[in-house]
Every structure is written in C-alpha cells, then in structure tokens.
Amino acid sequence: MDIRKQQRAVVDALEDVKAQDIAVYNTEGLTGLFDRVVIATATSNRQTRALAQSVQDKAKELGIIVIAVEG
C-alpha cells in the first residue's frame, strides 16, 4: 500500500475518535526505521486508548501489520 494511503488511513482513524492537534512528520531522510511519525493529542486517558485502538483497527482492516504499540 502506498505510504500516502497509509498516512491518510491513520489520520482518518484519529479523526474518527476526535483526536486533536494531529501532526504528521516526514522522516524518510532521517531514519531507515520509519517513513512517517504521527502525533496527536487527546483529552483523557480513555480517549488516548480509543485513539490507539482506532488506528490498530483501521490498520488491520487494510491489511497493514502492526508490529508494536507504545504508551
């Protein structure tokens, strides 16, 4: 899947759960570990967990393998 489609899917999943201050950073030239970093804020611990779950569910739906989840 194209990186832009993956990025859009992640941002959409975050927006579905009302994430705030969503920022996407292109790290292609900085590290070989990953191409994008997506940062978002939430208003509570419960919403933070819902954001993470929403992204995982969307990734699974699109056939993207989630290797690990931090935090």
PDB file of N, CA and C in Angstrom:
ATOM      1  N   MET A   1       0.839  -1.175   0.000  1.00  0.00           N
ATOM      2  CA  MET A   1       0.000   0.000   0.000  1.00  0.00           C
ATOM      3  C   MET A   1       0.888   1.244   0.000  1.00  0.00           C
ATOM      4  N   ASP A   2       0.506   2.239  -0.726  1.00  0.00           N
ATOM      5  CA  ASP A   2       1.223   3.497  -0.836  1.00  0.00           C
ATOM      6  C   ASP A   2       1.292   4.193   0.529  1.00  0.00           C
ATOM      7  N   ILE A   3       2.439   4.813   0.822  1.00  0.00           N
ATOM      8  CA  ILE A   3       2.632   5.466   2.113  1.00  0.00           C
ATOM      9  C   ILE A   3       1.616   6.579   2.346  1.00  0.00           C
ATOM     10  N   ARG A   4       1.236   7.288   1.290  1.00  0.00           N
ATOM     11  CA  ARG A   4       0.249   8.364   1.450  1.00  0.00           C
ATOM     12  C   ARG A   4      -1.120   7.808   1.840  1.00  0.00           C
ATOM     13  N   LYS A   5      -1.467   6.630   1.311  1.00  0.00           N
ATOM     14  CA  LYS A   5      -2.742   6.000   1.678  1.00  0.00           C
ATOM     15  C   LYS A   5      -2.701   5.527   3.121  1.00  0.00           C
ATOM     16  N   GLN A   6      -1.566   4.999   3.533  1.00  0.00           N
ATOM     17  CA  GLN A   6      -1.424   4.575   4.925  1.00  0.00           C
ATOM     18  C   GLN A   6      -1.524   5.778   5.855  1.00  0.00           C
ATOM     19  N   GLN A   7      -0.859   6.851   5.497  1.00  0.00           N
ATOM     20  CA  GLN A   7      -0.901   8.071   6.295  1.00  0.00           C
ATOM     21  C   GLN A   7      -2.326   8.590   6.401  1.00  0.00           C
ATOM     22  N   ARG A   8      -3.048   8.625   5.293  1.00  0.00           N
ATOM     23  CA  ARG A   8      -4.435   9.100   5.284  1.00  0.00           C
ATOM     24  C   ARG A   8      -5.305   8.210   6.167  1.00  0.00           C
ATOM     25  N   ALA A   9      -5.074   6.893   6.116  1.00  0.00           N
ATOM     26  CA  ALA A   9      -5.857   5.957   6.926  1.00  0.00           C
ATOM     27  C   ALA A   9      -5.633   6.216   8.417  1.00  0.00           C
ATOM     28  N   VAL A  10      -4.390   6.465   8.805  1.00  0.00           N
ATOM     29  CA  VAL A  10      -4.076   6.731  10.210  1.00  0.00           C
ATOM     30  C   VAL A  10      -4.735   8.034  10.654  1.00  0.00           C
ATOM     31  N   VAL A  11      -4.606   9.078   9.856  1.00  0.00           N
ATOM     32  CA  VAL A  11      -5.197  10.364  10.211  1.00  0.00           C
ATOM     33  C   VAL A  11      -6.725  10.247  10.285  1.00  0.00           C
ATOM     34  N   ASP A  12      -7.323   9.529   9.343  1.00  0.00           N
ATOM     35  CA  ASP A  12      -8.780   9.326   9.379  1.00  0.00           C
ATOM     36  C   ASP A  12      -9.207   8.593  10.644  1.00  0.00           C
ATOM     37  N   ALA A  13      -8.445   7.561  11.021  1.00  0.00           N
ATOM     38  CA  ALA A  13      -8.769   6.802  12.235  1.00  0.00           C
ATOM     39  C   ALA A  13      -8.680   7.695  13.460  1.00  0.00           C
ATOM     40  N   LEU A  14      -7.704   8.582  13.493  1.00  0.00           N
ATOM     41  CA  LEU A  14      -7.568   9.512  14.621  1.00  0.00           C
ATOM     42  C   LEU A  14      -8.707  10.521  14.638  1.00  0.00           C
ATOM     43  N   GLU A  15      -9.060  11.024  13.476  1.00  0.00           N
ATOM     44  CA  GLU A  15     -10.156  11.995  13.396  1.00  0.00           C
ATOM     45  C   GLU A  15     -11.490  11.376  13.795  1.00  0.00           C
ATOM     46  N   ASP A  16     -11.676  10.084  13.517  1.00  0.00           N
ATOM     47  CA  ASP A  16     -12.914   9.389  13.878  1.00  0.00           C
ATOM     48  C   ASP A  16     -13.160   9.415  15.388  1.00  0.00           C
ATOM     49  N   VAL A  17     -12.082   9.444  16.159  1.00  0.00           N
ATOM     50  CA  VAL A  17     -12.194   9.431  17.620  1.00  0.00           C
ATOM     51  C   VAL A  17     -11.887  10.821  18.193  1.00  0.00           C
ATOM     52  N   LYS A  18     -11.947  11.834  17.343  1.00  0.00           N
ATOM     53  CA  LYS A  18     -11.821  13.234  17.754  1.00  0.00           C
ATOM     54  C   LYS A  18     -10.460  13.595  18.333  1.00  0.00           C
ATOM     55  N   ALA A  19      -9.388  13.068  17.724  1.00  0.00           N
ATOM     56  CA  ALA A  19      -8.037  13.466  18.135  1.00  0.00           C
ATOM     57  C   ALA A  19      -7.850  14.950  17.851  1.00  0.00           C
ATOM     58  N   GLN A  20      -6.982  15.553  18.630  1.00  0.00           N
ATOM     59  CA  GLN A  20      -6.707  16.983  18.454  1.00  0.00           C
ATOM     60  C   GLN A  20      -5.249  17.170  18.053  1.00  0.00           C
ATOM     61  N   ASP A  21      -4.964  18.290  17.423  1.00  0.00           N
ATOM     62  CA  ASP A  21      -3.585  18.674  17.088  1.00  0.00           C
ATOM     63  C   ASP A  21      -2.822  17.563  16.354  1.00  0.00           C
ATOM     64  N   ILE A  22      -3.418  16.970  15.347  1.00  0.00           N
ATOM     65  CA  ILE A  22      -2.778  15.895  14.595  1.00  0.00           C
ATOM     66  C   ILE A  22      -1.660  16.483  13.741  1.00  0.00           C
ATOM     67  N   ALA A  23      -0.464  15.932  13.887  1.00  0.00           N
ATOM     68  CA  ALA A  23       0.693  16.383  13.112  1.00  0.00           C
ATOM     69  C   ALA A  23       1.363  15.172  12.484  1.00  0.00           C
ATOM     70  N   VAL A  24       1.744  15.293  11.219  1.00  0.00           N
ATOM     71  CA  VAL A  24       2.430  14.223  10.507  1.00  0.00           C
ATOM     72  C   VAL A  24       3.800  14.743  10.091  1.00  0.00           C
ATOM     73  N   TYR A  25       4.845  14.013  10.445  1.00  0.00           N
ATOM     74  CA  TYR A  25       6.208  14.401  10.112  1.00  0.00           C
ATOM     75  C   TYR A  25       6.809  13.368   9.163  1.00  0.00           C
ATOM     76  N   ASN A  26       7.400  13.857   8.091  1.00  0.00           N
ATOM     77  CA  ASN A  26       8.069  13.001   7.119  1.00  0.00           C
ATOM     78  C   ASN A  26       9.493  12.763   7.605  1.00  0.00           C
ATOM     79  N   THR A  27       9.837  11.514   7.898  1.00  0.00           N
ATOM     80  CA  THR A  27      11.155  11.175   8.423  1.00  0.00           C
ATOM     81  C   THR A  27      11.948  10.293   7.469  1.00  0.00           C
ATOM     82  N   GLU A  28      11.553  10.254   6.196  1.00  0.00           N
ATOM     83  CA  GLU A  28      12.224   9.386   5.226  1.00  0.00           C
ATOM     84  C   GLU A  28      13.726   9.626   5.169  1.00  0.00           C
ATOM     85  N   GLY A  29      14.144  10.875   5.164  1.00  0.00           N
ATOM     86  CA  GLY A  29      15.564  11.184   5.047  1.00  0.00           C
ATOM     87  C   GLY A  29      16.320  11.142   6.355  1.00  0.00           C
ATOM     88  N   LEU A  30      15.626  10.928   7.451  1.00  0.00           N
ATOM     89  CA  LEU A  30      16.255  10.973   8.769  1.00  0.00           C
ATOM     90  C   LEU A  30      16.594   9.601   9.333  1.00  0.00           C
ATOM     91  N   THR A  31      15.781   8.604   9.025  1.00  0.00           N
ATOM     92  CA  THR A  31      15.988   7.276   9.592  1.00  0.00           C
ATOM     93  C   THR A  31      15.443   6.210   8.658  1.00  0.00           C
ATOM     94  N   GLY A  32      16.005   5.048   8.732  1.00  0.00           N
ATOM     95  CA  GLY A  32      15.519   3.928   7.940  1.00  0.00           C
ATOM     96  C   GLY A  32      14.474   3.111   8.686  1.00  0.00           C
ATOM     97  N   LEU A  33      14.154   3.503   9.923  1.00  0.00           N
ATOM     98  CA  LEU A  33      13.220   2.744  10.726  1.00  0.00           C
ATOM     99  C   LEU A  33      11.770   2.970  10.332  1.00  0.00           C
ATOM    100  N   PHE A  34      11.431   4.197   9.942  1.00  0.00           N
ATOM    101  CA  PHE A  34      10.053   4.514   9.579  1.00  0.00           C
ATOM    102  C   PHE A  34      10.043   5.739   8.678  1.00  0.00           C
ATOM    103  N   ASP A  35       8.962   5.887   7.920  1.00  0.00           N
ATOM    104  CA  ASP A  35       8.846   6.990   6.969  1.00  0.00           C
ATOM    105  C   ASP A  35       8.035   8.161   7.492  1.00  0.00           C
ATOM    106  N   ARG A  36       7.132   7.913   8.419  1.00  0.00           N
ATOM    107  CA  ARG A  36       6.279   8.968   8.963  1.00  0.00           C
ATOM    108  C   ARG A  36       6.150   8.800  10.473  1.00  0.00           C
ATOM    109  N   VAL A  37       5.992   9.936  11.156  1.00  0.00           N
ATOM    110  CA  VAL A  37       5.649   9.957  12.570  1.00  0.00           C
ATOM    111  C   VAL A  37       4.362  10.764  12.674  1.00  0.00           C
ATOM    112  N   VAL A  38       3.358  10.188  13.325  1.00  0.00           N
ATOM    113  CA  VAL A  38       2.079  10.869  13.503  1.00  0.00           C
ATOM    114  C   VAL A  38       1.890  11.096  14.996  1.00  0.00           C
ATOM    115  N   ILE A  39       1.630  12.350  15.360  1.00  0.00           N
ATOM    116  CA  ILE A  39       1.429  12.716  16.761  1.00  0.00           C
ATOM    117  C   ILE A  39       0.067  13.388  16.882  1.00  0.00           C
ATOM    118  N   ALA A  40      -0.671  13.006  17.916  1.00  0.00           N
ATOM    119  CA  ALA A  40      -1.985  13.606  18.166  1.00  0.00           C
ATOM    120  C   ALA A  40      -2.179  13.720  19.666  1.00  0.00           C
ATOM    121  N   THR A  41      -3.063  14.603  20.066  1.00  0.00           N
ATOM    122  CA  THR A  41      -3.365  14.753  21.491  1.00  0.00           C
ATOM    123  C   THR A  41      -4.804  14.325  21.760  1.00  0.00           C
ATOM    124  N   ALA A  42      -5.038  13.991  23.025  1.00  0.00           N
ATOM    125  CA  ALA A  42      -6.365  13.567  23.472  1.00  0.00           C
ATOM    126  C   ALA A  42      -6.673  14.292  24.773  1.00  0.00           C
ATOM    127  N   THR A  43      -7.939  14.245  25.162  1.00  0.00           N
ATOM    128  CA  THR A  43      -8.350  14.970  26.368  1.00  0.00           C
ATOM    129  C   THR A  43      -8.366  14.105  27.615  1.00  0.00           C
ATOM    130  N   SER A  44      -8.203  12.790  27.462  1.00  0.00           N
ATOM    131  CA  SER A  44      -8.215  11.901  28.627  1.00  0.00           C
ATOM    132  C   SER A  44      -7.478  10.610  28.298  1.00  0.00           C
ATOM    133  N   ASN A  45      -7.188   9.835  29.343  1.00  0.00           N
ATOM    134  CA  ASN A  45      -6.552   8.532  29.134  1.00  0.00           C
ATOM    135  C   ASN A  45      -7.463   7.609  28.347  1.00  0.00           C
ATOM    136  N   ARG A  46      -8.741   7.669  28.612  1.00  0.00           N
ATOM    137  CA  ARG A  46      -9.710   6.830  27.905  1.00  0.00           C
ATOM    138  C   ARG A  46      -9.694   7.151  26.407  1.00  0.00           C
ATOM    139  N   GLN A  47      -9.654   8.437  26.070  1.00  0.00           N
ATOM    140  CA  GLN A  47      -9.627   8.810  24.654  1.00  0.00           C
ATOM    141  C   GLN A  47      -8.302   8.383  24.018  1.00  0.00           C
ATOM    142  N   THR A  48      -7.215   8.481  24.751  1.00  0.00           N
ATOM    143  CA  THR A  48      -5.917   8.058  24.230  1.00  0.00           C
ATOM    144  C   THR A  48      -5.947   6.581  23.853  1.00  0.00           C
ATOM    145  N   ARG A  49      -6.507   5.760  24.724  1.00  0.00           N
ATOM    146  CA  ARG A  49      -6.621   4.325  24.422  1.00  0.00           C
ATOM    147  C   ARG A  49      -7.534   4.092  23.224  1.00  0.00           C
ATOM    148  N   ALA A  50      -8.606   4.872  23.124  1.00  0.00           N
ATOM    149  CA  ALA A  50      -9.528   4.747  21.989  1.00  0.00           C
ATOM    150  C   ALA A  50      -8.845   5.145  20.683  1.00  0.00           C
ATOM    151  N   LEU A  51      -7.995   6.165  20.724  1.00  0.00           N
ATOM    152  CA  LEU A  51      -7.249   6.574  19.532  1.00  0.00           C
ATOM    153  C   LEU A  51      -6.332   5.450  19.053  1.00  0.00           C
ATOM    154  N   ALA A  52      -5.590   4.887  19.990  1.00  0.00           N
ATOM    155  CA  ALA A  52      -4.676   3.794  19.636  1.00  0.00           C
ATOM    156  C   ALA A  52      -5.444   2.604  19.070  1.00  0.00           C
ATOM    157  N   GLN A  53      -6.556   2.265  19.679  1.00  0.00           N
ATOM    158  CA  GLN A  53      -7.362   1.135  19.203  1.00  0.00           C
ATOM    159  C   GLN A  53      -7.943   1.416  17.826  1.00  0.00           C
ATOM    160  N   SER A  54      -8.368   2.645  17.592  1.00  0.00           N
ATOM    161  CA  SER A  54      -8.937   3.020  16.300  1.00  0.00           C
ATOM    162  C   SER A  54      -7.906   2.868  15.180  1.00  0.00           C
ATOM    163  N   VAL A  55      -6.676   3.302  15.451  1.00  0.00           N
ATOM    164  CA  VAL A  55      -5.607   3.174  14.452  1.00  0.00           C
ATOM    165  C   VAL A  55      -5.287   1.697  14.202  1.00  0.00           C
ATOM    166  N   GLN A  56      -5.225   0.907  15.263  1.00  0.00           N
ATOM    167  CA  GLN A  56      -4.957  -0.525  15.099  1.00  0.00           C
ATOM    168  C   GLN A  56      -6.058  -1.210  14.299  1.00  0.00           C
ATOM    169  N   ASP A  57      -7.302  -0.883  14.594  1.00  0.00           N
ATOM    170  CA  ASP A  57      -8.427  -1.487  13.882  1.00  0.00           C
ATOM    171  C   ASP A  57      -8.404  -1.122  12.403  1.00  0.00           C
ATOM    172  N   LYS A  58      -8.115   0.143  12.105  1.00  0.00           N
ATOM    173  CA  LYS A  58      -8.062   0.601  10.709  1.00  0.00           C
ATOM    174  C   LYS A  58      -6.923  -0.089   9.970  1.00  0.00           C
ATOM    175  N   ALA A  59      -5.783  -0.231  10.625  1.00  0.00           N
ATOM    176  CA  ALA A  59      -4.640  -0.903  10.009  1.00  0.00           C
ATOM    177  C   ALA A  59      -4.985  -2.358   9.701  1.00  0.00           C
ATOM    178  N   LYS A  60      -5.588  -3.038  10.653  1.00  0.00           N
ATOM    179  CA  LYS A  60      -5.969  -4.432  10.446  1.00  0.00           C
ATOM    180  C   LYS A  60      -6.961  -4.556   9.296  1.00  0.00           C
ATOM    181  N   GLU A  61      -7.913  -3.631   9.227  1.00  0.00           N
ATOM    182  CA  GLU A  61      -8.914  -3.628   8.168  1.00  0.00           C
ATOM    183  C   GLU A  61      -8.267  -3.491   6.783  1.00  0.00           C
ATOM    184  N   LEU A  62      -7.164  -2.734   6.714  1.00  0.00           N
ATOM    185  CA  LEU A  62      -6.473  -2.506   5.442  1.00  0.00           C
ATOM    186  C   LEU A  62      -5.358  -3.510   5.184  1.00  0.00           C
ATOM    187  N   GLY A  63      -5.175  -4.455   6.100  1.00  0.00           N
ATOM    188  CA  GLY A  63      -4.150  -5.476   5.910  1.00  0.00           C
ATOM    189  C   GLY A  63      -2.746  -5.015   6.265  1.00  0.00           C
ATOM    190  N   ILE A  64      -2.640  -3.938   7.034  1.00  0.00           N
ATOM    191  CA  ILE A  64      -1.343  -3.424   7.477  1.00  0.00           C
ATOM    192  C   ILE A  64      -0.990  -4.113   8.782  1.00  0.00           C
ATOM    193  N   ILE A  65       0.223  -4.613   8.875  1.00  0.00           N
ATOM    194  CA  ILE A  65       0.684  -5.316  10.071  1.00  0.00           C
ATOM    195  C   ILE A  65       1.157  -4.303  11.110  1.00  0.00           C
ATOM    196  N   VAL A  66       0.583  -4.375  12.306  1.00  0.00           N
ATOM    197  CA  VAL A  66       1.013  -3.522  13.424  1.00  0.00           C
ATOM    198  C   VAL A  66       2.033  -4.333  14.229  1.00  0.00           C
ATOM    199  N   ILE A  67       3.257  -3.858  14.255  1.00  0.00           N
ATOM    200  CA  ILE A  67       4.321  -4.593  14.930  1.00  0.00           C
ATOM    201  C   ILE A  67       4.288  -4.349  16.434  1.00  0.00           C
ATOM    202  N   ALA A  68       4.102  -3.096  16.838  1.00  0.00           N
ATOM    203  CA  ALA A  68       4.087  -2.776  18.266  1.00  0.00           C
ATOM    204  C   ALA A  68       3.321  -1.490  18.505  1.00  0.00           C
ATOM    205  N   VAL A  69       2.848  -1.355  19.735  1.00  0.00           N
ATOM    206  CA  VAL A  69       2.144  -0.145  20.157  1.00  0.00           C
ATOM    207  C   VAL A  69       2.830   0.328  21.435  1.00  0.00           C
ATOM    208  N   GLU A  70       3.199   1.603  21.484  1.00  0.00           N
ATOM    209  CA  GLU A  70       3.855   2.176  22.655  1.00  0.00           C
ATOM    210  C   GLU A  70       2.909   3.089  23.395  1.00  0.00           C
ATOM    211  N   GLY A  71       3.006   3.064  24.711  1.00  0.00           N
ATOM    212  CA  GLY A  71       2.261   4.021  25.518  1.00  0.00           C
ATOM    213  C   GLY A  71       0.853   3.637  25.812  1.00  0.00           C
TER     214      GLY A  71
END
